Amino acid sequence: MDINEEPSSKTTRKEFIRKSTYAAAGISLGVSAIGSPALGSVLGANDKVRVGFIGLGNRGSQLLTRFMANTDVEIAALSDVYDPYMERDYSNVSDKFIAEVGSRIPKMGEKFSGKVGKYMDFR
């Protein structure tokens, strides 16, 4: 084929628009089928989001509480260098720490739905 030679089949503007319209319609029909209510009852691997928390001080505990309020979230792991925070047991918090930090110590005692891994080292 010579460089100046035209290809044997040219796509016209009208054909291009028609084919693009069919492609867009096919994609939108495929997306609607995926989001259909009939498929909504099928359970998949991603029905629950498993999360882990590193650092369970004041802000970490606030986030933990917010995540636990969602039915599609499962707490998988907790990590903190301070054992009472990681074990979620306020009664084991040092009196000295309570006197020093006071109201910034988070309320604890949450009940987890499944087994939660607990790690002193975040790695």
PDB file of N, CA and C in Angstrom:
ATOM      1  N   MET A   1       0.856  -1.174   0.000  1.00  0.00           N
ATOM      2  CA  MET A   1       0.000   0.000   0.000  1.00  0.00           C
ATOM      3  C   MET A   1       0.896   1.229   0.000  1.00  0.00           C
ATOM      4  N   ASP A   2       0.612   2.128  -0.893  1.00  0.00           N
ATOM      5  CA  ASP A   2       1.359   3.373  -1.025  1.00  0.00           C
ATOM      6  C   ASP A   2       0.896   4.355   0.051  1.00  0.00           C
ATOM      7  N   ILE A   3       1.806   5.199   0.511  1.00  0.00           N
ATOM      8  CA  ILE A   3       1.492   6.154   1.572  1.00  0.00           C
ATOM      9  C   ILE A   3       0.420   7.158   1.162  1.00  0.00           C
ATOM     10  N   ASN A   4       0.335   7.435  -0.097  1.00  0.00           N
ATOM     11  CA  ASN A   4      -0.660   8.391  -0.595  1.00  0.00           C
ATOM     12  C   ASN A   4      -1.976   7.731  -0.956  1.00  0.00           C
ATOM     13  N   GLU A   5      -2.006   6.409  -0.861  1.00  0.00           N
ATOM     14  CA  GLU A   5      -3.200   5.671  -1.228  1.00  0.00           C
ATOM     15  C   GLU A   5      -4.225   5.727  -0.096  1.00  0.00           C
ATOM     16  N   GLU A   6      -5.492   5.883  -0.417  1.00  0.00           N
ATOM     17  CA  GLU A   6      -6.574   5.945   0.560  1.00  0.00           C
ATOM     18  C   GLU A   6      -6.978   4.523   0.962  1.00  0.00           C
ATOM     19  N   PRO A   7      -7.375   4.304   2.223  1.00  0.00           N
ATOM     20  CA  PRO A   7      -7.864   2.986   2.612  1.00  0.00           C
ATOM     21  C   PRO A   7      -9.126   2.642   1.840  1.00  0.00           C
ATOM     22  N   SER A   8      -9.351   1.354   1.635  1.00  0.00           N
ATOM     23  CA  SER A   8     -10.464   0.930   0.797  1.00  0.00           C
ATOM     24  C   SER A   8     -11.823   1.191   1.446  1.00  0.00           C
ATOM     25  N   SER A   9     -11.907   1.154   2.756  1.00  0.00           N
ATOM     26  CA  SER A   9     -13.199   1.407   3.392  1.00  0.00           C
ATOM     27  C   SER A   9     -13.075   2.601   4.331  1.00  0.00           C
ATOM     28  N   LYS A  10     -13.826   3.616   4.042  1.00  0.00           N
ATOM     29  CA  LYS A  10     -13.835   4.816   4.879  1.00  0.00           C
ATOM     30  C   LYS A  10     -15.084   4.791   5.742  1.00  0.00           C
ATOM     31  N   THR A  11     -14.932   5.197   6.993  1.00  0.00           N
ATOM     32  CA  THR A  11     -16.086   5.335   7.876  1.00  0.00           C
ATOM     33  C   THR A  11     -16.612   6.750   7.718  1.00  0.00           C
ATOM     34  N   THR A  12     -17.867   6.831   7.386  1.00  0.00           N
ATOM     35  CA  THR A  12     -18.463   8.157   7.233  1.00  0.00           C
ATOM     36  C   THR A  12     -18.872   8.686   8.605  1.00  0.00           C
ATOM     37  N   ARG A  13     -19.112   9.966   8.636  1.00  0.00           N
ATOM     38  CA  ARG A  13     -19.529  10.596   9.896  1.00  0.00           C
ATOM     39  C   ARG A  13     -20.832   9.990  10.398  1.00  0.00           C
ATOM     40  N   LYS A  14     -21.745   9.737   9.482  1.00  0.00           N
ATOM     41  CA  LYS A  14     -23.042   9.169   9.831  1.00  0.00           C
ATOM     42  C   LYS A  14     -22.867   7.775  10.444  1.00  0.00           C
ATOM     43  N   GLU A  15     -22.008   6.946   9.856  1.00  0.00           N
ATOM     44  CA  GLU A  15     -21.756   5.607  10.388  1.00  0.00           C
ATOM     45  C   GLU A  15     -21.108   5.677  11.771  1.00  0.00           C
ATOM     46  N   PHE A  16     -20.170   6.597  11.934  1.00  0.00           N
ATOM     47  CA  PHE A  16     -19.488   6.751  13.206  1.00  0.00           C
ATOM     48  C   PHE A  16     -20.480   7.108  14.310  1.00  0.00           C
ATOM     49  N   ILE A  17     -21.376   8.054  14.045  1.00  0.00           N
ATOM     50  CA  ILE A  17     -22.376   8.472  15.032  1.00  0.00           C
ATOM     51  C   ILE A  17     -23.321   7.314  15.354  1.00  0.00           C
ATOM     52  N   ARG A  18     -23.744   6.573  14.332  1.00  0.00           N
ATOM     53  CA  ARG A  18     -24.656   5.442  14.543  1.00  0.00           C
ATOM     54  C   ARG A  18     -23.990   4.379  15.416  1.00  0.00           C
ATOM     55  N   LYS A  19     -22.733   4.029  15.116  1.00  0.00           N
ATOM     56  CA  LYS A  19     -22.027   3.002  15.892  1.00  0.00           C
ATOM     57  C   LYS A  19     -21.756   3.481  17.322  1.00  0.00           C
ATOM     58  N   SER A  20     -21.436   4.751  17.484  1.00  0.00           N
ATOM     59  CA  SER A  20     -21.204   5.307  18.821  1.00  0.00           C
ATOM     60  C   SER A  20     -22.477   5.265  19.657  1.00  0.00           C
ATOM     61  N   THR A  21     -23.603   5.555  19.030  1.00  0.00           N
ATOM     62  CA  THR A  21     -24.888   5.515  19.723  1.00  0.00           C
ATOM     63  C   THR A  21     -25.198   4.098  20.186  1.00  0.00           C
ATOM     64  N   TYR A  22     -24.973   3.110  19.312  1.00  0.00           N
ATOM     65  CA  TYR A  22     -25.198   1.713  19.693  1.00  0.00           C
ATOM     66  C   TYR A  22     -24.288   1.305  20.850  1.00  0.00           C
ATOM     67  N   ALA A  23     -23.032   1.729  20.801  1.00  0.00           N
ATOM     68  CA  ALA A  23     -22.085   1.381  21.870  1.00  0.00           C
ATOM     69  C   ALA A  23     -22.519   2.005  23.194  1.00  0.00           C
ATOM     70  N   ALA A  24     -22.931   3.266  23.163  1.00  0.00           N
ATOM     71  CA  ALA A  24     -23.364   3.942  24.393  1.00  0.00           C
ATOM     72  C   ALA A  24     -24.627   3.279  24.958  1.00  0.00           C
ATOM     73  N   ALA A  25     -25.553   2.909  24.067  1.00  0.00           N
ATOM     74  CA  ALA A  25     -26.781   2.243  24.514  1.00  0.00           C
ATOM     75  C   ALA A  25     -26.449   0.887  25.128  1.00  0.00           C
ATOM     76  N   GLY A  26     -25.536   0.163  24.520  1.00  0.00           N
ATOM     77  CA  GLY A  26     -25.133  -1.149  25.051  1.00  0.00           C
ATOM     78  C   GLY A  26     -24.492  -1.020  26.418  1.00  0.00           C
ATOM     79  N   ILE A  27     -23.645  -0.028  26.591  1.00  0.00           N
ATOM     80  CA  ILE A  27     -22.993   0.177  27.885  1.00  0.00           C
ATOM     81  C   ILE A  27     -24.025   0.535  28.948  1.00  0.00           C
ATOM     82  N   SER A  28     -24.952   1.439  28.625  1.00  0.00           N
ATOM     83  CA  SER A  28     -25.947   1.849  29.620  1.00  0.00           C
ATOM     84  C   SER A  28     -26.892   0.695  29.968  1.00  0.00           C
ATOM     85  N   LEU A  29     -27.223  -0.157  29.011  1.00  0.00           N
ATOM     86  CA  LEU A  29     -28.062  -1.318  29.310  1.00  0.00           C
ATOM     87  C   LEU A  29     -27.316  -2.300  30.204  1.00  0.00           C
ATOM     88  N   GLY A  30     -26.037  -2.458  29.957  1.00  0.00           N
ATOM     89  CA  GLY A  30     -25.215  -3.345  30.787  1.00  0.00           C
ATOM     90  C   GLY A  30     -25.126  -2.842  32.205  1.00  0.00           C
ATOM     91  N   VAL A  31     -24.946  -1.541  32.388  1.00  0.00           N
ATOM     92  CA  VAL A  31     -24.860  -0.960  33.723  1.00  0.00           C
ATOM     93  C   VAL A  31     -26.186  -1.099  34.453  1.00  0.00           C
ATOM     94  N   SER A  32     -27.325  -0.906  33.731  1.00  0.00           N
ATOM     95  CA  SER A  32     -28.611  -1.063  34.400  1.00  0.00           C
ATOM     96  C   SER A  32     -28.869  -2.501  34.803  1.00  0.00           C
ATOM     97  N   ALA A  33     -28.386  -3.449  34.025  1.00  0.00           N
ATOM     98  CA  ALA A  33     -28.578  -4.856  34.383  1.00  0.00           C
ATOM     99  C   ALA A  33     -27.777  -5.190  35.632  1.00  0.00           C
ATOM    100  N   ILE A  34     -26.585  -4.614  35.754  1.00  0.00           N
ATOM    101  CA  ILE A  34     -25.751  -4.875  36.925  1.00  0.00           C
ATOM    102  C   ILE A  34     -26.413  -4.306  38.169  1.00  0.00           C
ATOM    103  N   GLY A  35     -27.044  -3.150  38.063  1.00  0.00           N
ATOM    104  CA  GLY A  35     -27.665  -2.509  39.225  1.00  0.00           C
ATOM    105  C   GLY A  35     -29.110  -2.912  39.431  1.00  0.00           C
ATOM    106  N   SER A  36     -29.594  -3.946  38.734  1.00  0.00           N
ATOM    107  CA  SER A  36     -31.000  -4.311  38.845  1.00  0.00           C
ATOM    108  C   SER A  36     -31.332  -4.894  40.216  1.00  0.00           C
ATOM    109  N   PRO A  37     -32.563  -4.708  40.690  1.00  0.00           N
ATOM    110  CA  PRO A  37     -32.969  -5.230  41.998  1.00  0.00           C
ATOM    111  C   PRO A  37     -32.865  -6.747  42.081  1.00  0.00           C
ATOM    112  N   ALA A  38     -33.023  -7.448  40.959  1.00  0.00           N
ATOM    113  CA  ALA A  38     -32.933  -8.911  40.981  1.00  0.00           C
ATOM    114  C   ALA A  38     -31.544  -9.361  41.418  1.00  0.00           C
ATOM    115  N   LEU A  39     -30.537  -8.617  41.050  1.00  0.00           N
ATOM    116  CA  LEU A  39     -29.179  -8.965  41.448  1.00  0.00           C
ATOM    117  C   LEU A  39     -28.820  -8.402  42.811  1.00  0.00           C
ATOM    118  N   GLY A  40     -29.642  -7.517  43.350  1.00  0.00           N
ATOM    119  CA  GLY A  40     -29.364  -6.896  44.636  1.00  0.00           C
ATOM    120  C   GLY A  40     -29.387  -7.875  45.801  1.00  0.00           C
ATOM    121  N   SER A  41     -30.106  -8.991  45.653  1.00  0.00           N
ATOM    122  CA  SER A  41     -30.201  -9.949  46.745  1.00  0.00           C
ATOM    123  C   SER A  41     -29.039 -10.931  46.771  1.00  0.00           C
ATOM    124  N   VAL A  42     -28.204 -10.914  45.759  1.00  0.00           N
ATOM    125  CA  VAL A  42     -27.060 -11.821  45.706  1.00  0.00           C
ATOM    126  C   VAL A  42     -25.956 -11.287  46.622  1.00  0.00           C
ATOM    127  N   LEU A  43     -25.485 -12.116  47.534  1.00  0.00           N
ATOM    128  CA  LEU A  43     -24.433 -11.707  48.447  1.00  0.00           C
ATOM    129  C   LEU A  43     -23.083 -11.918  47.780  1.00  0.00           C
ATOM    130  N   GLY A  44     -22.222 -10.939  47.937  1.00  0.00           N
ATOM    131  CA  GLY A  44     -20.899 -11.026  47.340  1.00  0.00           C
ATOM    132  C   GLY A  44     -19.815 -10.854  48.382  1.00  0.00           C
ATOM    133  N   ALA A  45     -18.592 -10.919  47.918  1.00  0.00           N
ATOM    134  CA  ALA A  45     -17.442 -10.812  48.816  1.00  0.00           C
ATOM    135  C   ALA A  45     -17.329  -9.425  49.435  1.00  0.00           C
ATOM    136  N   ASN A  46     -17.895  -8.430  48.799  1.00  0.00           N
ATOM    137  CA  ASN A  46     -17.731  -7.058  49.270  1.00  0.00           C
ATOM    138  C   ASN A  46     -18.965  -6.507  49.981  1.00  0.00           C
ATOM    139  N   ASP A  47     -19.819  -7.383  50.505  1.00  0.00           N
ATOM    140  CA  ASP A  47     -21.015  -6.895  51.187  1.00  0.00           C
ATOM    141  C   ASP A  47     -20.682  -6.199  52.491  1.00  0.00           C
ATOM    142  N   LYS A  48     -19.627  -6.608  53.156  1.00  0.00           N
ATOM    143  CA  LYS A  48     -19.187  -5.957  54.400  1.00  0.00           C
ATOM    144  C   LYS A  48     -17.787  -5.415  54.186  1.00  0.00           C
ATOM    145  N   VAL A  49     -17.581  -4.222  54.657  1.00  0.00           N
ATOM    146  CA  VAL A  49     -16.255  -3.618  54.602  1.00  0.00           C
ATOM    147  C   VAL A  49     -15.578  -3.922  55.924  1.00  0.00           C
ATOM    148  N   ARG A  50     -14.407  -4.547  55.866  1.00  0.00           N
ATOM    149  CA  ARG A  50     -13.647  -4.877  57.076  1.00  0.00           C
ATOM    150  C   ARG A  50     -12.614  -3.791  57.290  1.00  0.00           C
ATOM    151  N   VAL A  51     -12.622  -3.203  58.482  1.00  0.00           N
ATOM    152  CA  VAL A  51     -11.691  -2.107  58.769  1.00  0.00           C
ATOM    153  C   VAL A  51     -10.880  -2.403  60.025  1.00  0.00           C
ATOM    154  N   GLY A  52      -9.705  -1.801  60.076  1.00  0.00           N
ATOM    155  CA  GLY A  52      -8.854  -1.889  61.243  1.00  0.00           C
ATOM    156  C   GLY A  52      -8.507  -0.479  61.708  1.00  0.00           C
ATOM    157  N   PHE A  53      -8.254  -0.325  62.989  1.00  0.00           N
ATOM    158  CA  PHE A  53      -7.955   0.987  63.560  1.00  0.00           C
ATOM    159  C   PHE A  53      -6.590   0.970  64.214  1.00  0.00           C
ATOM    160  N   ILE A  54      -5.787   1.954  63.894  1.00  0.00           N
ATOM    161  CA  ILE A  54      -4.483   2.149  64.520  1.00  0.00           C
ATOM    162  C   ILE A  54      -4.588   3.429  65.336  1.00  0.00           C
ATOM    163  N   GLY A  55      -4.426   3.314  66.640  1.00  0.00           N
ATOM    164  CA  GLY A  55      -4.545   4.472  67.528  1.00  0.00           C
ATOM    165  C   GLY A  55      -5.985   4.650  67.967  1.00  0.00           C
ATOM    166  N   LEU A  56      -6.274   4.311  69.204  1.00  0.00           N
ATOM    167  CA  LEU A  56      -7.649   4.342  69.690  1.00  0.00           C
ATOM    168  C   LEU A  56      -7.850   5.342  70.813  1.00  0.00           C
ATOM    169  N   GLY A  57      -7.104   6.436  70.743  1.00  0.00           N
ATOM    170  CA  GLY A  57      -7.301   7.519  71.697  1.00  0.00           C
ATOM    171  C   GLY A  57      -8.627   8.198  71.421  1.00  0.00           C
ATOM    172  N   ASN A  58      -8.724   9.460  71.707  1.00  0.00           N
ATOM    173  CA  ASN A  58      -9.971  10.195  71.577  1.00  0.00           C
ATOM    174  C   ASN A  58     -10.525  10.147  70.149  1.00  0.00           C
ATOM    175  N   ARG A  59      -9.744  10.604  69.176  1.00  0.00           N
ATOM    176  CA  ARG A  59     -10.233  10.651  67.792  1.00  0.00           C
ATOM    177  C   ARG A  59     -10.433   9.254  67.211  1.00  0.00           C
ATOM    178  N   GLY A  60      -9.516   8.340  67.494  1.00  0.00           N
ATOM    179  CA  GLY A  60      -9.664   6.969  67.007  1.00  0.00           C
ATOM    180  C   GLY A  60     -10.925   6.316  67.521  1.00  0.00           C
ATOM    181  N   SER A  61     -11.260   6.577  68.777  1.00  0.00           N
ATOM    182  CA  SER A  61     -12.489   6.021  69.357  1.00  0.00           C
ATOM    183  C   SER A  61     -13.737   6.651  68.747  1.00  0.00           C
ATOM    184  N   GLN A  62     -13.657   7.934  68.437  1.00  0.00           N
ATOM    185  CA  GLN A  62     -14.789   8.587  67.770  1.00  0.00           C
ATOM    186  C   GLN A  62     -15.052   7.937  66.416  1.00  0.00           C
ATOM    187  N   LEU A  63     -13.987   7.709  65.670  1.00  0.00           N
ATOM    188  CA  LEU A  63     -14.135   7.073  64.359  1.00  0.00           C
ATOM    189  C   LEU A  63     -14.634   5.641  64.491  1.00  0.00           C
ATOM    190  N   LEU A  64     -14.130   4.925  65.480  1.00  0.00           N
ATOM    191  CA  LEU A  64     -14.575   3.552  65.724  1.00  0.00           C
ATOM    192  C   LEU A  64     -16.082   3.517  65.965  1.00  0.00           C
ATOM    193  N   THR A  65     -16.566   4.423  66.796  1.00  0.00           N
ATOM    194  CA  THR A  65     -18.005   4.491  67.087  1.00  0.00           C
ATOM    195  C   THR A  65     -18.808   4.769  65.825  1.00  0.00           C
ATOM    196  N   ARG A  66     -18.330   5.697  65.008  1.00  0.00           N
ATOM    197  CA  ARG A  66     -19.034   6.028  63.755  1.00  0.00           C
ATOM    198  C   ARG A  66     -19.078   4.838  62.803  1.00  0.00           C
ATOM    199  N   PHE A  67     -17.954   4.142  62.665  1.00  0.00           N
ATOM    200  CA  PHE A  67     -17.919   2.994  61.762  1.00  0.00           C
ATOM    201  C   PHE A  67     -18.811   1.860  62.271  1.00  0.00           C
ATOM    202  N   MET A  68     -18.840   1.656  63.592  1.00  0.00           N
ATOM    203  CA  MET A  68     -19.656   0.578  64.153  1.00  0.00           C
ATOM    204  C   MET A  68     -21.157   0.837  63.972  1.00  0.00           C
ATOM    205  N   ALA A  69     -21.537   2.075  63.750  1.00  0.00           N
ATOM    206  CA  ALA A  69     -22.950   2.410  63.534  1.00  0.00           C
ATOM    207  C   ALA A  69     -23.450   1.935  62.171  1.00  0.00           C
ATOM    208  N   ASN A  70     -22.544   1.613  61.262  1.00  0.00           N
ATOM    209  CA  ASN A  70     -22.923   1.139  59.926  1.00  0.00           C
ATOM    210  C   ASN A  70     -23.072  -0.372  59.934  1.00  0.00           C
ATOM    211  N   THR A  71     -24.176  -0.870  59.405  1.00  0.00           N
ATOM    212  CA  THR A  71     -24.413  -2.316  59.388  1.00  0.00           C
ATOM    213  C   THR A  71     -23.517  -3.041  58.394  1.00  0.00           C
ATOM    214  N   ASP A  72     -22.994  -2.327  57.405  1.00  0.00           N
ATOM    215  CA  ASP A  72     -22.153  -2.981  56.391  1.00  0.00           C
ATOM    216  C   ASP A  72     -20.659  -2.869  56.695  1.00  0.00           C
ATOM    217  N   VAL A  73     -20.311  -2.561  57.948  1.00  0.00           N
ATOM    218  CA  VAL A  73     -18.909  -2.454  58.360  1.00  0.00           C
ATOM    219  C   VAL A  73     -18.631  -3.479  59.450  1.00  0.00           C
ATOM    220  N   GLU A  74     -17.521  -4.166  59.304  1.00  0.00           N
ATOM    221  CA  GLU A  74     -17.082  -5.128  60.317  1.00  0.00           C
ATOM    222  C   GLU A  74     -15.711  -4.692  60.828  1.00  0.00           C
ATOM    223  N   ILE A  75     -15.553  -4.607  62.138  1.00  0.00           N
ATOM    224  CA  ILE A  75     -14.270  -4.233  62.725  1.00  0.00           C
ATOM    225  C   ILE A  75     -13.396  -5.484  62.735  1.00  0.00           C
ATOM    226  N   ALA A  76     -12.265  -5.419  62.030  1.00  0.00           N
ATOM    227  CA  ALA A  76     -11.400  -6.584  61.876  1.00  0.00           C
ATOM    228  C   ALA A  76     -10.223  -6.568  62.842  1.00  0.00           C
ATOM    229  N   ALA A  77      -9.669  -5.378  63.142  1.00  0.00           N
ATOM    230  CA  ALA A  77      -8.471  -5.316  63.976  1.00  0.00           C
ATOM    231  C   ALA A  77      -8.360  -3.981  64.691  1.00  0.00           C
ATOM    232  N   LEU A  78      -7.714  -4.023  65.858  1.00  0.00           N
ATOM    233  CA  LEU A  78      -7.425  -2.825  66.643  1.00  0.00           C
ATOM    234  C   LEU A  78      -5.937  -2.830  66.982  1.00  0.00           C
ATOM    235  N   SER A  79      -5.341  -1.652  66.979  1.00  0.00           N
ATOM    236  CA  SER A  79      -3.933  -1.543  67.339  1.00  0.00           C
ATOM    237  C   SER A  79      -3.719  -0.267  68.141  1.00  0.00           C
ATOM    238  N   ASP A  80      -3.074  -0.423  69.297  1.00  0.00           N
ATOM    239  CA  ASP A  80      -2.717   0.728  70.111  1.00  0.00           C
ATOM    240  C   ASP A  80      -1.597   0.290  71.053  1.00  0.00           C
ATOM    241  N   VAL A  81      -0.701   1.209  71.377  1.00  0.00           N
ATOM    242  CA  VAL A  81       0.401   0.882  72.276  1.00  0.00           C
ATOM    243  C   VAL A  81      -0.070   0.889  73.736  1.00  0.00           C
ATOM    244  N   TYR A  82      -1.206   1.529  74.020  1.00  0.00           N
ATOM    245  CA  TYR A  82      -1.737   1.576  75.386  1.00  0.00           C
ATOM    246  C   TYR A  82      -2.797   0.484  75.514  1.00  0.00           C
ATOM    247  N   ASP A  83      -2.496  -0.539  76.299  1.00  0.00           N
ATOM    248  CA  ASP A  83      -3.335  -1.733  76.394  1.00  0.00           C
ATOM    249  C   ASP A  83      -4.797  -1.460  76.760  1.00  0.00           C
ATOM    250  N   PRO A  84      -5.130  -0.602  77.735  1.00  0.00           N
ATOM    251  CA  PRO A  84      -6.552  -0.364  78.031  1.00  0.00           C
ATOM    252  C   PRO A  84      -7.339   0.171  76.822  1.00  0.00           C
ATOM    253  N   TYR A  85      -6.694   0.983  76.002  1.00  0.00           N
ATOM    254  CA  TYR A  85      -7.385   1.467  74.803  1.00  0.00           C
ATOM    255  C   TYR A  85      -7.631   0.324  73.833  1.00  0.00           C
ATOM    256  N   MET A  86      -6.615  -0.499  73.624  1.00  0.00           N
ATOM    257  CA  MET A  86      -6.755  -1.600  72.679  1.00  0.00           C
ATOM    258  C   MET A  86      -7.772  -2.625  73.182  1.00  0.00           C
ATOM    259  N   GLU A  87      -7.782  -2.900  74.468  1.00  0.00           N
ATOM    260  CA  GLU A  87      -8.723  -3.870  75.033  1.00  0.00           C
ATOM    261  C   GLU A  87     -10.107  -3.268  75.249  1.00  0.00           C
ATOM    262  N   ARG A  88     -10.222  -1.946  75.068  1.00  0.00           N
ATOM    263  CA  ARG A  88     -11.476  -1.195  75.213  1.00  0.00           C
ATOM    264  C   ARG A  88     -12.035  -1.337  76.631  1.00  0.00           C
ATOM    265  N   ASP A  89     -11.146  -1.194  77.644  1.00  0.00           N
ATOM    266  CA  ASP A  89     -11.515  -1.372  79.051  1.00  0.00           C
ATOM    267  C   ASP A  89     -11.125  -0.134  79.858  1.00  0.00           C
ATOM    268  N   TYR A  90     -12.095   0.717  80.133  1.00  0.00           N
ATOM    269  CA  TYR A  90     -11.860   1.970  80.857  1.00  0.00           C
ATOM    270  C   TYR A  90     -11.372   1.716  82.282  1.00  0.00           C
ATOM    271  N   SER A  91     -11.796   0.619  82.891  1.00  0.00           N
ATOM    272  CA  SER A  91     -11.430   0.339  84.284  1.00  0.00           C
ATOM    273  C   SER A  91      -9.924   0.083  84.455  1.00  0.00           C
ATOM    274  N   ASN A  92      -9.223  -0.234  83.378  1.00  0.00           N
ATOM    275  CA  ASN A  92      -7.777  -0.477  83.455  1.00  0.00           C
ATOM    276  C   ASN A  92      -6.930   0.762  83.148  1.00  0.00           C
ATOM    277  N   VAL A  93      -7.574   1.876  82.855  1.00  0.00           N
ATOM    278  CA  VAL A  93      -6.830   3.112  82.576  1.00  0.00           C
ATOM    279  C   VAL A  93      -6.201   3.596  83.888  1.00  0.00           C
ATOM    280  N   SER A  94      -4.942   3.949  83.826  1.00  0.00           N
ATOM    281  CA  SER A  94      -4.187   4.406  84.993  1.00  0.00           C
ATOM    282  C   SER A  94      -4.827   5.648  85.617  1.00  0.00           C
ATOM    283  N   ASP A  95      -4.888   5.670  86.948  1.00  0.00           N
ATOM    284  CA  ASP A  95      -5.435   6.841  87.667  1.00  0.00           C
ATOM    285  C   ASP A  95      -4.616   8.088  87.351  1.00  0.00           C
ATOM    286  N   LYS A  96      -3.305   7.915  87.231  1.00  0.00           N
ATOM    287  CA  LYS A  96      -2.419   9.033  86.894  1.00  0.00           C
ATOM    288  C   LYS A  96      -2.776   9.590  85.507  1.00  0.00           C
ATOM    289  N   PHE A  97      -3.068   8.687  84.584  1.00  0.00           N
ATOM    290  CA  PHE A  97      -3.436   9.097  83.233  1.00  0.00           C
ATOM    291  C   PHE A  97      -4.785   9.811  83.242  1.00  0.00           C
ATOM    292  N   ILE A  98      -5.718   9.315  84.038  1.00  0.00           N
ATOM    293  CA  ILE A  98      -7.044   9.951  84.151  1.00  0.00           C
ATOM    294  C   ILE A  98      -6.896  11.364  84.706  1.00  0.00           C
ATOM    295  N   ALA A  99      -6.048  11.540  85.741  1.00  0.00           N
ATOM    296  CA  ALA A  99      -5.826  12.866  86.338  1.00  0.00           C
ATOM    297  C   ALA A  99      -5.177  13.817  85.337  1.00  0.00           C
ATOM    298  N   GLU A 100      -4.301  13.287  84.512  1.00  0.00           N
ATOM    299  CA  GLU A 100      -3.556  14.107  83.564  1.00  0.00           C
ATOM    300  C   GLU A 100      -4.384  14.480  82.334  1.00  0.00           C
ATOM    301  N   VAL A 101      -5.097  13.519  81.785  1.00  0.00           N
ATOM    302  CA  VAL A 101      -5.806  13.719  80.515  1.00  0.00           C
ATOM    303  C   VAL A 101      -7.284  14.026  80.729  1.00  0.00           C
ATOM    304  N   GLY A 102      -7.870  13.446  81.738  1.00  0.00           N
ATOM    305  CA  GLY A 102      -9.258  13.748  82.103  1.00  0.00           C
ATOM    306  C   GLY A 102     -10.289  13.365  81.069  1.00  0.00           C
ATOM    307  N   SER A 103     -11.073  14.352  80.641  1.00  0.00           N
ATOM    308  CA  SER A 103     -12.220  14.103  79.775  1.00  0.00           C
ATOM    309  C   SER A 103     -11.849  13.673  78.353  1.00  0.00           C
ATOM    310  N   ARG A 104     -10.585  13.782  78.003  1.00  0.00           N
ATOM    311  CA  ARG A 104     -10.186  13.360  76.654  1.00  0.00           C
ATOM    312  C   ARG A 104     -10.015  11.846  76.532  1.00  0.00           C
ATOM    313  N   ILE A 105     -10.115  11.133  77.639  1.00  0.00           N
ATOM    314  CA  ILE A 105     -10.061   9.671  77.581  1.00  0.00           C
ATOM    315  C   ILE A 105     -11.388   9.191  77.006  1.00  0.00           C
ATOM    316  N   PRO A 106     -11.334   8.366  75.976  1.00  0.00           N
ATOM    317  CA  PRO A 106     -12.583   7.949  75.329  1.00  0.00           C
ATOM    318  C   PRO A 106     -13.396   6.988  76.197  1.00  0.00           C
ATOM    319  N   LYS A 107     -14.696   7.032  75.972  1.00  0.00           N
ATOM    320  CA  LYS A 107     -15.577   6.041  76.589  1.00  0.00           C
ATOM    321  C   LYS A 107     -15.335   4.741  75.831  1.00  0.00           C
ATOM    322  N   MET A 108     -15.326   3.634  76.537  1.00  0.00           N
ATOM    323  CA  MET A 108     -15.016   2.357  75.899  1.00  0.00           C
ATOM    324  C   MET A 108     -16.058   1.319  76.284  1.00  0.00           C
ATOM    325  N   GLY A 109     -15.829   0.090  75.909  1.00  0.00           N
ATOM    326  CA  GLY A 109     -16.743  -0.993  76.262  1.00  0.00           C
ATOM    327  C   GLY A 109     -17.634  -1.437  75.118  1.00  0.00           C
ATOM    328  N   GLU A 110     -17.258  -1.131  73.896  1.00  0.00           N
ATOM    329  CA  GLU A 110     -18.052  -1.531  72.731  1.00  0.00           C
ATOM    330  C   GLU A 110     -18.131  -3.058  72.645  1.00  0.00           C
ATOM    331  N   LYS A 111     -19.201  -3.537  72.080  1.00  0.00           N
ATOM    332  CA  LYS A 111     -19.380  -4.969  71.822  1.00  0.00           C
ATOM    333  C   LYS A 111     -19.210  -5.196  70.323  1.00  0.00           C
ATOM    334  N   PHE A 112     -18.263  -6.036  69.974  1.00  0.00           N
ATOM    335  CA  PHE A 112     -17.986  -6.313  68.570  1.00  0.00           C
ATOM    336  C   PHE A 112     -18.747  -7.555  68.116  1.00  0.00           C
ATOM    337  N   SER A 113     -19.176  -7.551  66.849  1.00  0.00           N
ATOM    338  CA  SER A 113     -19.989  -8.657  66.337  1.00  0.00           C
ATOM    339  C   SER A 113     -19.176  -9.918  66.075  1.00  0.00           C
ATOM    340  N   GLY A 114     -17.909  -9.784  65.769  1.00  0.00           N
ATOM    341  CA  GLY A 114     -17.078 -10.952  65.481  1.00  0.00           C
ATOM    342  C   GLY A 114     -15.762 -10.868  66.225  1.00  0.00           C
ATOM    343  N   LYS A 115     -14.861 -11.773  65.879  1.00  0.00           N
ATOM    344  CA  LYS A 115     -13.541 -11.783  66.503  1.00  0.00           C
ATOM    345  C   LYS A 115     -12.718 -10.627  65.942  1.00  0.00           C
ATOM    346  N   VAL A 116     -12.126  -9.852  66.836  1.00  0.00           N
ATOM    347  CA  VAL A 116     -11.332  -8.694  66.435  1.00  0.00           C
ATOM    348  C   VAL A 116      -9.886  -8.957  66.811  1.00  0.00           C
ATOM    349  N   GLY A 117      -8.981  -8.843  65.836  1.00  0.00           N
ATOM    350  CA  GLY A 117      -7.559  -9.000  66.101  1.00  0.00           C
ATOM    351  C   GLY A 117      -7.056  -7.786  66.874  1.00  0.00           C
ATOM    352  N   LYS A 118      -6.180  -8.027  67.848  1.00  0.00           N
ATOM    353  CA  LYS A 118      -5.644  -6.915  68.662  1.00  0.00           C
ATOM    354  C   LYS A 118      -4.122  -6.979  68.628  1.00  0.00           C
ATOM    355  N   TYR A 119      -3.505  -5.828  68.296  1.00  0.00           N
ATOM    356  CA  TYR A 119      -2.066  -5.781  68.072  1.00  0.00           C
ATOM    357  C   TYR A 119      -1.451  -4.565  68.748  1.00  0.00           C
ATOM    358  N   MET A 120      -0.370  -4.797  69.496  1.00  0.00           N
ATOM    359  CA  MET A 120       0.377  -3.683  70.101  1.00  0.00           C
ATOM    360  C   MET A 120       1.202  -2.967  69.032  1.00  0.00           C
ATOM    361  N   ASP A 121       1.715  -3.722  68.081  1.00  0.00           N
ATOM    362  CA  ASP A 121       2.535  -3.181  67.000  1.00  0.00           C
ATOM    363  C   ASP A 121       1.664  -3.034  65.760  1.00  0.00           C
ATOM    364  N   PHE A 122       1.567  -1.848  65.218  1.00  0.00           N
ATOM    365  CA  PHE A 122       0.670  -1.610  64.078  1.00  0.00           C
ATOM    366  C   PHE A 122       1.068  -2.377  62.826  1.00  0.00           C
ATOM    367  N   ARG A 123       2.320  -2.819  62.730  1.00  0.00           N
ATOM    368  CA  ARG A 123       2.743  -3.547  61.528  1.00  0.00           C
ATOM    369  C   ARG A 123       2.171  -4.939  61.514  1.00  0.00           C
TER     370      ARG A 123
END
